[in-house]
Protein backbone atom coordinates (compact mmCIF):
# COMPACT_ATOMS: atom_id res chain seq x y z
CA MET A 1 -165.53 -124.29 -179.89
CA SER A 2 -166.52 -127.50 -179.34
CA PRO A 3 -164.97 -130.73 -180.30
CA GLN A 4 -167.84 -131.65 -182.57
CA SER A 5 -166.36 -131.20 -186.15
CA ASN A 6 -163.45 -129.60 -184.55
CA TRP A 7 -161.89 -133.02 -183.59
CA CYS A 8 -157.93 -132.50 -184.34
CA ARG A 9 -157.45 -129.40 -183.38
CA CYS A 10 -159.47 -130.10 -180.04
CA THR A 11 -158.37 -133.75 -179.14
CA SER A 12 -154.84 -131.99 -179.39
CA CYS A 13 -154.65 -131.10 -175.55
CA HIS A 14 -156.42 -134.64 -174.37
CA ALA A 15 -154.26 -137.54 -173.35
CA GLY A 16 -155.04 -139.88 -176.16
CA TYR A 17 -154.22 -140.84 -179.53
CA GLY A 18 -156.56 -140.49 -183.14
CA TRP A 19 -159.36 -139.10 -181.32
CA LYS A 20 -160.53 -137.61 -184.90
CA ASP A 21 -164.10 -138.64 -184.54
CA LYS A 22 -167.30 -139.60 -182.42
CA LYS A 23 -166.61 -143.05 -182.75
CA PHE A 24 -163.53 -143.22 -180.52
CA ASP A 25 -162.69 -146.00 -178.39
CA PHE A 26 -162.02 -144.70 -174.53
CA THR A 27 -161.98 -148.28 -173.44
CA SER A 28 -158.94 -148.92 -176.21
CA GLN A 29 -155.53 -149.42 -173.73
CA GLU A 30 -153.38 -148.42 -176.76
CA ASN A 31 -155.53 -145.06 -176.73
CA ILE A 32 -154.33 -143.52 -174.12
CA ASP A 33 -150.91 -141.10 -174.16
CA CYS A 34 -148.98 -142.17 -171.35
CA LEU A 35 -146.34 -139.78 -172.11
CA VAL A 36 -148.12 -136.59 -171.87
CA CYS A 37 -148.14 -136.94 -167.86
CA HIS A 38 -145.07 -138.89 -167.71
CA ASP A 39 -142.74 -137.34 -169.86
CA SER A 40 -139.39 -135.63 -167.30
CA THR A 41 -137.66 -134.07 -170.24
CA GLY A 42 -139.88 -131.00 -170.73
CA SER A 43 -139.70 -132.20 -174.84
CA TYR A 44 -142.59 -133.85 -175.27
CA ARG A 45 -145.61 -132.06 -177.25
CA LYS A 46 -148.89 -132.88 -178.55
CA PHE A 47 -149.02 -131.33 -182.20
CA PRO A 48 -151.71 -128.59 -182.46
CA THR A 49 -153.60 -130.29 -184.96
CA ALA A 50 -152.84 -134.56 -185.11
CA CYS A 51 -155.62 -135.75 -183.38
CA GLY A 52 -153.82 -136.10 -179.74
CA HIS A 53 -150.55 -137.48 -181.73
CA PRO A 54 -147.14 -135.75 -181.39
CA ALA A 55 -144.92 -134.17 -184.07
CA TYR A 56 -143.17 -137.68 -185.21
CA GLU A 57 -140.96 -135.40 -187.74
CA ASP A 58 -140.63 -131.90 -188.31
CA LYS A 59 -143.54 -130.08 -189.31
CA LYS A 60 -144.99 -126.49 -189.40
CA PHE A 61 -147.55 -124.59 -187.76
CA GLY A 62 -148.62 -121.35 -188.03
CA GLY A 63 -145.77 -120.47 -189.76
CA LYS A 64 -143.40 -122.04 -186.90
CA ASP A 65 -140.87 -125.08 -187.34
CA VAL A 66 -142.08 -127.84 -184.88
CA LYS A 67 -139.18 -130.34 -184.36
CA ALA A 68 -140.64 -134.22 -184.59
CA VAL A 69 -140.52 -135.47 -180.59
CA ASP A 70 -137.51 -137.94 -179.62
CA LEU A 71 -139.71 -140.50 -178.51
CA ARG A 72 -136.56 -143.01 -177.65
CA ARG A 73 -135.25 -140.25 -175.50
CA VAL A 74 -138.92 -139.46 -173.99
CA ALA A 75 -139.29 -143.02 -173.21
CA ARG A 76 -136.24 -143.94 -171.17
CA ASN A 77 -136.92 -140.71 -169.16
CA ILE A 78 -140.45 -141.42 -167.96
CA GLY A 79 -141.29 -140.52 -164.55
CA PRO A 80 -144.10 -139.22 -161.85
CA SER A 81 -145.98 -136.37 -163.15
CA SER A 82 -145.14 -132.72 -162.50
CA ARG A 83 -146.12 -129.58 -162.16
CA THR A 84 -144.87 -128.87 -165.53
CA THR A 85 -146.37 -132.08 -167.09
CA CYS A 86 -150.24 -130.98 -165.65
CA GLY A 87 -149.50 -127.20 -166.36
CA ARG A 88 -148.83 -128.14 -170.31
CA CYS A 89 -152.37 -128.14 -170.77
CA HIS A 90 -154.22 -127.00 -167.57
CA PHE A 91 -151.94 -123.89 -167.81
CA TYR A 92 -152.75 -123.18 -171.46
CA GLY A 93 -156.25 -124.25 -172.05
CA GLY A 94 -158.77 -122.32 -173.99
CA GLY A 95 -156.02 -121.40 -176.29
CA GLY A 96 -152.56 -119.53 -175.06
CA ASP A 97 -151.38 -118.89 -171.36
CA GLY A 98 -153.80 -118.21 -168.32
CA VAL A 99 -157.00 -117.81 -171.03
CA LYS A 100 -159.31 -119.92 -168.96
CA HIS A 101 -158.93 -120.30 -165.63
CA GLY A 102 -157.20 -117.11 -164.42
CA ASP A 103 -155.57 -119.04 -161.46
CA LEU A 104 -153.58 -121.38 -163.22
CA ASP A 105 -150.73 -120.43 -165.54
CA SER A 106 -147.32 -120.65 -166.69
CA SER A 107 -146.18 -118.64 -163.50
CA LEU A 108 -146.77 -121.30 -161.35
CA LEU A 109 -144.28 -122.94 -162.48
CA LYS A 110 -142.10 -121.20 -160.51
CA ALA A 111 -144.17 -119.82 -158.37
CA SER A 112 -142.60 -117.56 -155.07
CA LYS A 113 -144.45 -117.59 -152.00
CA ALA A 114 -146.13 -114.72 -152.36
CA LEU A 115 -147.77 -115.97 -155.46
CA ASP A 116 -148.70 -119.15 -154.10
CA VAL A 117 -147.52 -120.41 -150.45
CA HIS A 118 -148.44 -124.14 -151.62
CA MET A 119 -146.42 -124.13 -154.80
CA ASP A 120 -143.49 -121.90 -153.69
CA ILE A 121 -140.90 -123.51 -155.24
CA LYS A 122 -138.30 -121.92 -152.37
CA GLY A 123 -140.82 -123.76 -149.60
CA LEU A 124 -143.40 -126.35 -150.12
CA ASN A 125 -143.12 -126.48 -153.47
CA TYR A 126 -146.16 -128.96 -153.97
CA SER A 127 -146.69 -130.47 -157.01
CA CYS A 128 -150.54 -131.11 -158.23
CA THR A 129 -150.97 -134.44 -157.19
CA ILE A 130 -150.05 -133.74 -153.56
CA CYS A 131 -153.64 -132.39 -153.40
CA HIS A 132 -155.28 -133.98 -156.45
CA VAL A 133 -154.35 -137.42 -155.21
CA THR A 134 -154.79 -140.11 -157.89
CA LYS A 135 -156.22 -143.64 -157.25
CA ALA A 136 -155.54 -146.21 -160.08
CA HIS A 137 -155.22 -143.21 -162.34
CA GLN A 138 -158.41 -141.61 -161.20
CA ILE A 139 -157.28 -138.01 -160.58
CA SER A 140 -159.40 -136.39 -157.84
CA GLY A 141 -160.73 -133.14 -158.57
CA ARG A 142 -163.18 -131.67 -155.83
CA ILE A 143 -164.87 -128.54 -157.35
CA TYR A 144 -167.60 -129.55 -159.71
CA SER A 145 -168.52 -133.31 -158.33
CA ARG A 146 -168.35 -132.80 -153.95
CA PRO A 147 -170.19 -129.96 -151.69
CA ALA A 148 -167.64 -127.12 -151.27
CA PRO A 149 -167.57 -127.89 -147.40
CA ASN A 150 -166.61 -131.51 -147.24
CA LYS A 151 -165.81 -133.72 -144.67
CA HIS A 152 -163.19 -133.25 -142.56
CA GLN A 153 -160.27 -135.40 -143.94
CA LEU A 154 -157.07 -135.07 -142.53
CA ALA A 155 -154.80 -137.27 -145.38
CA LEU A 156 -153.49 -139.32 -143.23
CA PRO A 157 -152.78 -143.04 -144.03
CA GLN A 158 -155.59 -144.43 -142.14
CA ASP A 159 -157.87 -142.12 -144.54
CA ASP A 160 -158.60 -142.42 -147.99
CA GLY A 161 -155.82 -140.03 -148.45
CA GLU A 162 -157.53 -137.04 -150.74
CA ARG A 163 -156.63 -133.52 -149.98
CA LEU A 164 -158.92 -131.33 -151.76
CA ALA A 165 -160.56 -129.38 -149.50
CA CYS A 166 -158.73 -126.64 -147.22
CA GLU A 167 -159.91 -128.77 -144.21
CA SER A 168 -157.84 -131.55 -145.16
CA CYS A 169 -154.90 -130.38 -143.97
CA HIS A 170 -155.77 -127.11 -142.27
CA GLY A 171 -158.79 -128.52 -139.88
CA LEU A 172 -162.16 -126.75 -138.98
CA ALA A 173 -160.40 -124.23 -136.95
CA PRO A 174 -157.30 -122.99 -138.54
CA HIS A 175 -157.06 -119.81 -136.65
CA LYS A 176 -155.03 -120.48 -133.73
CA LYS A 177 -154.47 -117.10 -132.80
CA GLU A 178 -157.31 -115.34 -133.99
CA PRO A 179 -160.32 -118.18 -133.23
CA LEU A 180 -163.08 -115.64 -134.22
CA LEU A 181 -162.45 -116.20 -137.73
CA ASN A 182 -162.95 -119.72 -137.11
CA GLY A 183 -166.28 -118.47 -136.93
CA HIS A 184 -166.65 -117.87 -140.59
CA THR A 185 -165.68 -121.18 -141.78
CA ASP A 186 -169.51 -122.61 -141.90
CA LYS A 187 -170.19 -119.70 -144.63
CA VAL A 188 -167.24 -118.57 -146.03
CA ALA A 189 -164.95 -120.70 -148.01
CA CYS A 190 -161.13 -120.24 -147.49
CA GLN A 191 -160.14 -119.09 -150.87
CA SER A 192 -162.54 -116.25 -150.20
CA CYS A 193 -160.36 -114.39 -148.10
CA HIS A 194 -157.15 -116.23 -148.94
CA ILE A 195 -157.19 -115.56 -152.52
CA PRO A 196 -157.47 -111.87 -152.42
CA PHE A 197 -156.53 -111.43 -156.27
CA TYR A 198 -156.33 -114.26 -159.51
CA ALA A 199 -154.24 -113.58 -162.53
CA ARG A 200 -150.91 -112.33 -159.81
CA GLY A 201 -148.40 -114.14 -161.35
CA GLY A 202 -147.32 -110.89 -164.47
CA VAL A 203 -149.36 -113.27 -166.92
CA PHE A 204 -153.23 -111.86 -168.33
CA THR A 205 -156.60 -113.61 -168.21
CA LYS A 206 -159.25 -113.44 -170.78
CA MET A 207 -162.47 -112.07 -169.42
CA TRP A 208 -164.44 -111.23 -172.95
CA TRP A 209 -164.52 -112.90 -176.07
CA ASP A 210 -167.25 -111.88 -178.38
CA TRP A 211 -167.42 -113.63 -181.56
CA SER A 212 -169.82 -111.50 -183.50
CA THR A 213 -166.80 -109.64 -184.71
CA ALA A 214 -164.97 -111.83 -186.00
CA GLY A 215 -164.43 -112.19 -189.76
CA LYS A 216 -163.29 -108.61 -190.40
CA PHE A 217 -160.23 -107.70 -192.81
CA THR A 218 -158.04 -105.53 -194.64
CA ASP A 219 -159.23 -103.84 -197.77
CA ASP A 220 -156.37 -106.10 -199.70
CA GLY A 221 -158.10 -109.51 -197.73
CA GLN A 222 -155.43 -110.03 -195.25
CA GLU A 223 -156.35 -110.65 -191.28
CA ILE A 224 -156.48 -108.77 -189.09
CA VAL A 225 -154.81 -108.56 -185.94
CA LYS A 226 -154.64 -105.79 -182.97
CA LYS A 227 -152.72 -105.90 -179.70
CA ASP A 228 -152.68 -104.30 -176.75
CA GLU A 229 -149.27 -102.58 -175.28
CA TYR A 230 -148.56 -105.67 -173.40
CA GLY A 231 -148.90 -107.78 -176.24
CA ASN A 232 -152.57 -109.68 -175.53
CA ILE A 233 -154.27 -109.95 -178.63
CA VAL A 234 -157.63 -107.59 -178.54
CA TYR A 235 -158.98 -108.10 -182.18
CA HIS A 236 -158.06 -111.27 -184.43
CA SER A 237 -160.41 -111.89 -187.88
CA MET A 238 -160.45 -115.20 -186.65
CA LYS A 239 -161.81 -114.72 -183.34
CA GLY A 240 -163.44 -111.36 -182.47
CA SER A 241 -162.42 -108.92 -179.74
CA MET A 242 -161.18 -110.16 -176.60
CA GLY A 243 -160.49 -108.33 -173.03
CA TRP A 244 -157.51 -109.01 -170.73
CA ALA A 245 -156.86 -108.26 -167.05
CA ARG A 246 -154.11 -109.36 -164.49
CA GLU A 247 -154.79 -108.73 -160.59
CA VAL A 248 -158.29 -109.14 -160.83
CA GLU A 249 -160.54 -108.93 -157.91
CA PRO A 250 -163.09 -112.14 -158.21
CA GLU A 251 -166.95 -112.11 -157.58
CA TYR A 252 -168.51 -113.81 -155.14
CA TYR A 253 -171.45 -115.89 -155.02
CA TRP A 254 -172.94 -118.62 -152.54
CA TYR A 255 -171.90 -122.06 -153.99
CA ASN A 256 -172.08 -125.68 -152.44
CA GLY A 257 -170.05 -127.71 -154.70
CA ALA A 258 -172.80 -128.32 -157.70
CA MET A 259 -173.69 -126.63 -160.79
CA THR A 260 -176.05 -126.91 -163.27
CA TYR A 261 -175.33 -126.93 -166.98
CA PHE A 262 -176.64 -125.49 -170.71
CA ARG A 263 -176.18 -128.42 -172.91
CA GLU A 264 -176.63 -128.57 -176.18
CA GLY A 265 -179.95 -128.52 -177.87
CA ASP A 266 -181.21 -126.79 -174.57
CA LYS A 267 -183.45 -124.25 -175.20
CA ILE A 268 -182.75 -120.52 -174.52
CA PRO A 269 -185.20 -119.09 -172.23
CA GLY A 270 -187.04 -115.68 -174.41
CA PRO A 271 -188.61 -112.89 -172.99
CA HIS A 272 -191.95 -114.34 -172.87
CA GLU A 273 -190.80 -116.86 -170.68
CA SER A 274 -188.66 -115.96 -168.40
CA GLY A 275 -188.14 -111.98 -168.17
CA ARG A 276 -184.38 -113.08 -169.10
CA SER A 277 -182.71 -109.54 -169.84
CA VAL A 278 -179.13 -110.91 -168.43
CA ALA A 279 -176.84 -112.91 -170.13
CA LEU A 280 -177.23 -116.35 -170.36
CA LYS A 281 -175.44 -118.75 -168.17
CA ILE A 282 -173.56 -121.56 -169.70
CA ASN A 283 -173.18 -122.85 -166.33
CA ALA A 284 -175.40 -122.08 -163.24
CA LEU A 285 -173.92 -122.13 -159.29
CA LYS A 286 -176.31 -124.21 -156.95
CA GLY A 287 -176.39 -123.11 -153.13
CA ASP A 288 -177.82 -120.04 -151.36
CA TYR A 289 -177.73 -118.55 -147.66
CA ALA A 290 -180.21 -121.13 -146.46
CA ASP A 291 -177.88 -124.10 -148.08
CA PRO A 292 -176.47 -125.88 -144.74
CA ARG A 293 -173.68 -126.78 -147.74
CA ALA A 294 -172.91 -124.13 -149.58
CA ARG A 295 -170.17 -121.25 -148.64
CA ILE A 296 -169.35 -118.10 -150.36
CA PHE A 297 -166.90 -118.77 -153.03
CA PRO A 298 -164.45 -116.85 -155.51
CA PHE A 299 -165.46 -116.91 -158.91
CA LYS A 300 -163.57 -115.97 -162.55
CA ILE A 301 -166.66 -115.13 -165.04
CA MET A 302 -165.41 -115.66 -168.44
CA ARG A 303 -168.19 -113.29 -170.07
CA GLY A 304 -168.23 -112.98 -174.29
CA LYS A 305 -170.65 -112.85 -177.05
CA GLN A 306 -171.63 -116.52 -179.05
CA PRO A 307 -173.29 -117.27 -182.46
CA TYR A 308 -177.07 -119.10 -181.48
CA ASP A 309 -180.10 -119.95 -183.69
CA PRO A 310 -182.52 -117.32 -182.60
CA GLU A 311 -185.58 -119.77 -184.41
CA ASN A 312 -184.49 -122.64 -182.51
CA ARG A 313 -183.31 -120.61 -179.69
CA THR A 314 -180.48 -122.75 -179.03
CA LEU A 315 -176.99 -122.23 -179.27
CA VAL A 316 -174.65 -122.93 -182.02
CA ILE A 317 -172.28 -125.58 -182.19
CA PRO A 318 -169.96 -123.89 -185.45
CA TYR A 319 -167.39 -126.03 -187.72
CA LEU A 320 -164.56 -123.83 -187.17
CA PHE A 321 -161.37 -125.82 -188.09
CA GLY A 322 -161.36 -127.71 -191.28
CA LYS A 323 -160.26 -127.43 -195.40
CA LYS A 324 -161.31 -124.43 -196.75
CA GLY A 325 -164.05 -124.64 -199.04
CA THR A 326 -165.85 -127.19 -196.69
CA GLY A 327 -167.68 -124.53 -194.63
CA PRO A 328 -164.86 -124.33 -191.40
CA TYR A 329 -165.61 -120.60 -190.41
CA TRP A 330 -161.70 -119.82 -190.35
CA GLY A 331 -161.39 -121.37 -193.74
CA ASP A 332 -164.47 -119.32 -195.23
CA TYR A 333 -165.76 -116.83 -192.55
CA ASP A 334 -169.45 -118.03 -193.46
CA TRP A 335 -171.19 -118.52 -189.90
CA GLY A 336 -174.47 -120.02 -191.62
CA LYS A 337 -172.14 -122.44 -193.41
CA ALA A 338 -170.13 -123.41 -190.13
CA ALA A 339 -173.19 -123.57 -188.50
CA ALA A 340 -175.09 -126.23 -190.71
CA VAL A 341 -172.23 -128.50 -190.62
CA GLY A 342 -171.46 -128.56 -186.86
CA MET A 343 -174.99 -128.59 -186.38
CA LYS A 344 -175.17 -131.41 -188.31
CA GLU A 345 -171.97 -133.34 -187.04
CA ALA A 346 -173.35 -132.91 -183.81
CA GLY A 347 -177.12 -134.20 -184.52
CA LEU A 348 -179.05 -131.13 -183.95
CA PRO A 349 -181.61 -128.61 -186.10
CA PHE A 350 -180.72 -125.42 -187.59
CA SER A 351 -183.06 -123.03 -189.01
CA GLY A 352 -180.04 -121.13 -191.06
CA LYS A 353 -180.31 -118.20 -189.39
CA ILE A 354 -177.62 -116.59 -187.03
CA ASP A 355 -177.63 -114.45 -184.23
CA PHE A 356 -175.45 -113.36 -180.73
CA ILE A 357 -176.03 -113.86 -177.31
CA GLU A 358 -174.70 -112.59 -174.32
CA THR A 359 -173.20 -115.89 -172.11
CA GLU A 360 -171.43 -116.17 -168.77
CA MET A 361 -169.32 -118.91 -167.29
CA TYR A 362 -168.17 -119.12 -164.09
CA TRP A 363 -164.72 -120.75 -163.19
CA PRO A 364 -163.71 -121.23 -159.29
CA ILE A 365 -160.94 -119.53 -158.03
CA THR A 366 -158.63 -121.86 -155.68
CA HIS A 367 -154.96 -121.50 -156.90
CA MET A 368 -152.68 -118.93 -156.14
CA VAL A 369 -153.41 -118.75 -152.38
CA ALA A 370 -151.55 -115.83 -150.90
CA PRO A 371 -149.53 -115.63 -147.45
CA LYS A 372 -151.63 -114.94 -144.58
CA ASP A 373 -150.90 -111.65 -144.08
CA LYS A 374 -151.98 -110.95 -147.36
CA ALA A 375 -155.32 -112.34 -146.69
CA LEU A 376 -158.17 -110.42 -146.87
CA VAL A 377 -159.35 -107.84 -144.00
CA CYS A 378 -162.45 -107.46 -141.91
CA GLU A 379 -163.38 -104.86 -143.47
CA ALA A 380 -163.00 -105.71 -147.50
CA CYS A 381 -166.02 -107.52 -146.91
CA HIS A 382 -167.40 -105.92 -143.75
CA SER A 383 -168.41 -102.52 -145.29
CA ARG A 384 -170.84 -100.32 -147.19
CA ASN A 385 -168.96 -100.71 -150.47
CA GLY A 386 -167.16 -104.18 -149.75
CA ARG A 387 -166.44 -107.16 -152.25
CA LEU A 388 -169.97 -108.71 -150.73
CA ALA A 389 -171.95 -105.07 -151.54
CA SER A 390 -173.89 -107.10 -154.30
CA LEU A 391 -173.88 -110.80 -152.43
CA ARG A 392 -177.84 -109.82 -151.13
CA GLY A 393 -180.23 -112.51 -149.21
CA PHE A 394 -178.50 -112.18 -145.67
CA TYR A 395 -177.72 -110.04 -143.13
CA LEU A 396 -173.73 -108.76 -142.92
CA PRO A 397 -172.92 -106.39 -140.12
CA GLY A 398 -171.28 -103.57 -141.42
CA ARG A 399 -172.37 -103.19 -145.00
CA ASP A 400 -176.49 -103.93 -143.78
CA ARG A 401 -178.62 -101.56 -141.78
CA TRP A 402 -181.60 -102.73 -140.31
CA ARG A 403 -183.72 -99.78 -138.93
CA GLY A 404 -185.48 -101.56 -136.16
CA LEU A 405 -182.22 -102.76 -134.91
CA ASP A 406 -180.46 -99.27 -135.72
CA GLY A 407 -183.35 -97.46 -133.60
CA SER A 408 -183.34 -99.80 -130.82
CA GLY A 409 -179.32 -99.47 -130.53
CA TRP A 410 -179.36 -95.23 -131.09
CA LEU A 411 -182.55 -95.59 -128.41
CA ALA A 412 -180.13 -97.61 -126.15
CA LEU A 413 -177.27 -94.93 -126.43
CA GLY A 414 -179.23 -92.00 -125.98
CA ILE A 415 -180.97 -93.54 -123.02
CA THR A 416 -177.11 -94.20 -121.42
CA LEU A 417 -175.80 -91.13 -122.58
CA MET A 418 -178.83 -89.24 -120.57
CA GLY A 419 -178.42 -91.83 -117.44
CA ILE A 420 -174.69 -90.58 -117.73
CA VAL A 421 -175.88 -86.80 -117.75
CA LEU A 422 -178.48 -87.27 -115.07
CA HIS A 423 -175.67 -88.95 -112.77
CA ALA A 424 -173.11 -86.78 -113.68
CA GLY A 425 -175.56 -83.86 -112.59
CA LEU A 426 -176.83 -85.55 -109.55
CA ARG A 427 -173.36 -85.90 -107.87
CA PHE A 428 -172.18 -82.23 -109.23
CA ILE A 429 -175.32 -80.92 -107.28
CA GLY A 430 -174.62 -82.86 -104.32
CA SER A 431 -170.89 -81.87 -104.17
CA ARG A 432 -171.98 -78.17 -104.40
CA ARG A 433 -174.10 -79.13 -101.28
CA ARG A 434 -171.95 -80.87 -99.07
CA GLY A 435 -169.60 -78.20 -100.00
CA GLY A 436 -171.73 -75.24 -98.90
CA ARG A 437 -172.38 -76.76 -95.49
CA ALA A 438 -168.99 -76.92 -94.86
């Protein structure tokens, strides 16, 4: 879903009031919602369709009662941001608990050490801003804006205070008892070994979302909602088919901290241009083995099918949320109408044709850090069918075979064995001769 033409649904999760169209004034302090980050009562909530406003009076949404927020109580109990206030949006991004990221969900609110060594409520109990240091309300976020290795920042008062790289606190040689592992840090991100699985707190994360199957109803016109044995929605008339997973093994790629993005209006490469037979990458990772800034990094890949315009070869921005009869897909269930309204709002051409294309989106995994005794062992990667089996372009001991090197090794071994046999034979013969003379 794009905010364009769906403003009040999308902007209900953002720190602002009244973001109902493209004319929203980002420079106005009156539009800033301070309470969403600084409420310490746990009672402040945005209303799902109110353009960023909370419920000022009792309302209903989705058949459920939503109580009005007691603004006086909240205003009298403001405090620092917390894991709860941050998680209220970041844990539930994408429409539900754990849907989007895979390493951020409500299980972290009361994390155990086994789930996350930094957020363990009986241990370090870090809040988000311990690492995402905030200066003048500018919240640090490293993943998309800085190279993955980063410079060594100790995060002491005399430094700039940012702690977004693991090295900021752990240094460049964190393995005191096993120094051999320190030789990996120039090519392997800490997260690759220390986050062996994501979605580990019992909450499922969405792995597949197929919009092409949406719009099916029962014979009497009722919405179809199907759930799996765990209560996850696997089909909904509004959103199509969905797949979920937990305890997921990440996928690994070279990454230097930068990405390119497929933007609105960009042309989808056609077979006659690139021979593309794989899914369209909504974001593409930069970096490879030869890049000194790149390291092997773990990712969740969100896969699915999205509507696109096959004539203009552009992704479609559909109008989803709105009053029935005005063209919203979640009202009229007509992709053509929904695309026409959404693309007009975005100022983009639309041919009137709709098809669906497979897409991929890469989400870096950097939370849910396991205790060191649960980190990956060497064989997890240094083996023929290990976690890095599909990451090519470099020689990995234990996984790869170089016939010249292997042949030289076997030759050397053979010569060594021959030497041992010859030496032993000569000693045996010599001992018999000495024995005979005696």
